[in-house]
Amino acid sequence: MSNTIQSEIKFNVELDENRVPEKLTWSAQDGGVHAEEAKAIMLSIWDSKAQETMRIDLWTKDMPVDEMKIFFHQTLVAMADTFKRATDDEKMSDTMKDFCDYFAEKLELTK
């Protein structure tokens, strides 16, 4: 019988009176992270039974638009990398990265 290890990642969301996020923090004890502040969180969860993706997308009301554009770009790049590792489909991963380059160019994120 194998031993299993559990790890917990925790997100805390402080809301204003209109339930709009004012402050986001996250903790991951195994990663040495405790109540680290964040301006945005995107979380995707695969529901195998329903065969659909559940999502939680949160950002604080003081998240600057220019930072949100960078956050989206970096998330898209990371998704292309993860897609390659998860599926070993290099051709589609490269296509996704091409879109990421286009996205960065149109938003003038490239330097």
C-alpha atoms as a PDB file:
ATOM      1  CA  MET A   1       0.000   0.000   0.000  1.00  0.00           C
ATOM      2  CA  SER A   2       1.460   3.341  -1.010  1.00  0.00           C
ATOM      3  CA  ASN A   3       1.602   6.343   1.236  1.00  0.00           C
ATOM      4  CA  THR A   4      -0.121   9.444  -0.078  1.00  0.00           C
ATOM      5  CA  ILE A   5       0.771  13.009   0.658  1.00  0.00           C
ATOM      6  CA  GLN A   6      -1.711  15.839   0.756  1.00  0.00           C
ATOM      7  CA  SER A   7      -0.904  19.406  -0.101  1.00  0.00           C
ATOM      8  CA  GLU A   8      -3.169  22.405   0.269  1.00  0.00           C
ATOM      9  CA  ILE A   9      -3.310  25.622  -1.716  1.00  0.00           C
ATOM     10  CA  LYS A  10      -5.562  28.227  -0.167  1.00  0.00           C
ATOM     11  CA  PHE A  11      -7.050  31.407  -1.670  1.00  0.00           C
ATOM     12  CA  ASN A  12      -8.600  34.167   0.439  1.00  0.00           C
ATOM     13  CA  VAL A  13     -10.790  36.823  -1.131  1.00  0.00           C
ATOM     14  CA  GLU A  14     -11.744  40.039   0.670  1.00  0.00           C
ATOM     15  CA  LEU A  15     -14.834  41.613  -0.870  1.00  0.00           C
ATOM     16  CA  ASP A  16     -16.309  45.092  -0.659  1.00  0.00           C
ATOM     17  CA  GLU A  17     -19.998  45.702   0.101  1.00  0.00           C
ATOM     18  CA  ASN A  18     -20.838  44.969  -3.569  1.00  0.00           C
ATOM     19  CA  ARG A  19     -18.933  41.658  -3.413  1.00  0.00           C
ATOM     20  CA  VAL A  20     -16.162  42.981  -5.662  1.00  0.00           C
ATOM     21  CA  PRO A  21     -12.698  41.663  -4.721  1.00  0.00           C
ATOM     22  CA  GLU A  22     -10.594  44.220  -2.859  1.00  0.00           C
ATOM     23  CA  LYS A  23      -7.782  41.931  -1.776  1.00  0.00           C
ATOM     24  CA  LEU A  24      -6.614  38.481  -2.873  1.00  0.00           C
ATOM     25  CA  THR A  25      -4.102  36.392  -0.958  1.00  0.00           C
ATOM     26  CA  TRP A  26      -2.898  32.850  -1.389  1.00  0.00           C
ATOM     27  CA  SER A  27      -0.939  30.344   0.651  1.00  0.00           C
ATOM     28  CA  ALA A  28       0.838  27.108  -0.253  1.00  0.00           C
ATOM     29  CA  GLN A  29       2.711  25.727   2.728  1.00  0.00           C
ATOM     30  CA  ASP A  30       4.652  23.199   0.630  1.00  0.00           C
ATOM     31  CA  GLY A  31       5.882  26.042  -1.578  1.00  0.00           C
ATOM     32  CA  GLY A  32       6.802  28.299   1.313  1.00  0.00           C
ATOM     33  CA  VAL A  33       4.069  30.799   0.442  1.00  0.00           C
ATOM     34  CA  HIS A  34       2.003  32.334   3.243  1.00  0.00           C
ATOM     35  CA  ALA A  35      -0.705  34.948   2.641  1.00  0.00           C
ATOM     36  CA  GLU A  36       1.032  36.324  -0.454  1.00  0.00           C
ATOM     37  CA  GLU A  37      -0.925  39.141  -2.074  1.00  0.00           C
ATOM     38  CA  ALA A  38      -2.123  38.814  -5.673  1.00  0.00           C
ATOM     39  CA  LYS A  39      -4.035  41.156  -7.966  1.00  0.00           C
ATOM     40  CA  ALA A  40      -5.626  38.417 -10.113  1.00  0.00           C
ATOM     41  CA  ILE A  41      -6.339  34.685 -10.059  1.00  0.00           C
ATOM     42  CA  MET A  42      -7.425  32.401 -12.888  1.00  0.00           C
ATOM     43  CA  LEU A  43      -8.242  28.860 -11.877  1.00  0.00           C
ATOM     44  CA  SER A  44      -9.538  26.110 -14.174  1.00  0.00           C
ATOM     45  CA  ILE A  45     -10.854  22.825 -12.818  1.00  0.00           C
ATOM     46  CA  TRP A  46     -11.776  19.860 -15.008  1.00  0.00           C
ATOM     47  CA  ASP A  47     -15.047  18.169 -14.043  1.00  0.00           C
ATOM     48  CA  SER A  48     -14.617  14.723 -15.571  1.00  0.00           C
ATOM     49  CA  LYS A  49     -18.153  13.627 -14.773  1.00  0.00           C
ATOM     50  CA  ALA A  50     -19.759  16.612 -16.535  1.00  0.00           C
ATOM     51  CA  GLN A  51     -16.953  16.791 -19.144  1.00  0.00           C
ATOM     52  CA  GLU A  52     -16.607  20.525 -18.684  1.00  0.00           C
ATOM     53  CA  THR A  53     -14.252  23.103 -17.273  1.00  0.00           C
ATOM     54  CA  MET A  54     -15.206  24.985 -14.151  1.00  0.00           C
ATOM     55  CA  ARG A  55     -13.547  28.391 -13.793  1.00  0.00           C
ATOM     56  CA  ILE A  56     -12.831  30.984 -11.182  1.00  0.00           C
ATOM     57  CA  ASP A  57     -11.559  34.299 -12.551  1.00  0.00           C
ATOM     58  CA  LEU A  58     -11.006  37.032  -9.984  1.00  0.00           C
ATOM     59  CA  TRP A  59      -9.158  40.327  -9.977  1.00  0.00           C
ATOM     60  CA  THR A  60      -9.068  43.203  -7.562  1.00  0.00           C
ATOM     61  CA  LYS A  61     -10.643  46.504  -8.463  1.00  0.00           C
ATOM     62  CA  ASP A  62      -7.207  48.142  -8.359  1.00  0.00           C
ATOM     63  CA  MET A  63      -5.659  45.715 -10.886  1.00  0.00           C
ATOM     64  CA  PRO A  64      -4.217  47.997 -13.594  1.00  0.00           C
ATOM     65  CA  VAL A  65      -5.349  47.247 -17.150  1.00  0.00           C
ATOM     66  CA  ASP A  66      -1.771  47.218 -18.458  1.00  0.00           C
ATOM     67  CA  GLU A  67      -0.851  44.568 -15.866  1.00  0.00           C
ATOM     68  CA  MET A  68      -3.993  42.572 -16.763  1.00  0.00           C
ATOM     69  CA  LYS A  69      -2.839  42.458 -20.386  1.00  0.00           C
ATOM     70  CA  ILE A  70       0.570  41.149 -19.316  1.00  0.00           C
ATOM     71  CA  PHE A  71      -1.090  38.641 -16.973  1.00  0.00           C
ATOM     72  CA  PHE A  72      -3.251  37.321 -19.825  1.00  0.00           C
ATOM     73  CA  HIS A  73      -0.279  37.080 -22.172  1.00  0.00           C
ATOM     74  CA  GLN A  74       1.866  35.204 -19.662  1.00  0.00           C
ATOM     75  CA  THR A  75      -1.072  32.903 -18.864  1.00  0.00           C
ATOM     76  CA  LEU A  76      -1.560  32.102 -22.553  1.00  0.00           C
ATOM     77  CA  VAL A  77       2.162  31.333 -22.957  1.00  0.00           C
ATOM     78  CA  ALA A  78       2.049  29.085 -19.881  1.00  0.00           C
ATOM     79  CA  MET A  79      -1.018  27.303 -21.273  1.00  0.00           C
ATOM     80  CA  ALA A  80       0.832  26.587 -24.523  1.00  0.00           C
ATOM     81  CA  ASP A  81       3.745  25.127 -22.539  1.00  0.00           C
ATOM     82  CA  THR A  82       1.420  23.060 -20.359  1.00  0.00           C
ATOM     83  CA  PHE A  83      -0.477  21.837 -23.431  1.00  0.00           C
ATOM     84  CA  LYS A  84       2.816  20.596 -24.917  1.00  0.00           C
ATOM     85  CA  ARG A  85       3.806  18.777 -21.707  1.00  0.00           C
ATOM     86  CA  ALA A  86       0.321  17.285 -21.233  1.00  0.00           C
ATOM     87  CA  THR A  87      -0.330  16.147 -24.811  1.00  0.00           C
ATOM     88  CA  ASP A  88       3.103  16.032 -26.482  1.00  0.00           C
ATOM     89  CA  ASP A  89       1.428  17.850 -29.404  1.00  0.00           C
ATOM     90  CA  GLU A  90       4.289  20.090 -30.468  1.00  0.00           C
ATOM     91  CA  LYS A  91       2.601  21.348 -33.640  1.00  0.00           C
ATOM     92  CA  MET A  92      -0.461  22.702 -31.811  1.00  0.00           C
ATOM     93  CA  SER A  93       1.689  24.075 -29.010  1.00  0.00           C
ATOM     94  CA  ASP A  94       3.733  25.989 -31.576  1.00  0.00           C
ATOM     95  CA  THR A  95       0.508  27.297 -33.135  1.00  0.00           C
ATOM     96  CA  MET A  96      -0.637  28.486 -29.714  1.00  0.00           C
ATOM     97  CA  LYS A  97       2.714  30.225 -29.191  1.00  0.00           C
ATOM     98  CA  ASP A  98       2.332  31.928 -32.568  1.00  0.00           C
ATOM     99  CA  PHE A  99      -0.970  33.331 -31.331  1.00  0.00           C
ATOM    100  CA  CYS A 100       0.740  34.450 -28.109  1.00  0.00           C
ATOM    101  CA  ASP A 101       3.295  36.353 -30.191  1.00  0.00           C
ATOM    102  CA  TYR A 102       0.463  37.946 -32.206  1.00  0.00           C
ATOM    103  CA  PHE A 103      -1.406  38.811 -28.983  1.00  0.00           C
ATOM    104  CA  ALA A 104       1.716  40.479 -27.500  1.00  0.00           C
ATOM    105  CA  GLU A 105       2.364  42.385 -30.717  1.00  0.00           C
ATOM    106  CA  LYS A 106      -1.214  43.722 -30.974  1.00  0.00           C
ATOM    107  CA  LEU A 107      -1.171  44.798 -27.331  1.00  0.00           C
ATOM    108  CA  GLU A 108       2.303  46.270 -27.790  1.00  0.00           C
ATOM    109  CA  LEU A 109       3.738  44.101 -25.021  1.00  0.00           C
ATOM    110  CA  THR A 110       6.907  43.239 -26.902  1.00  0.00           C
ATOM    111  CA  LYS A 111       9.947  45.348 -26.276  1.00  0.00           C
END
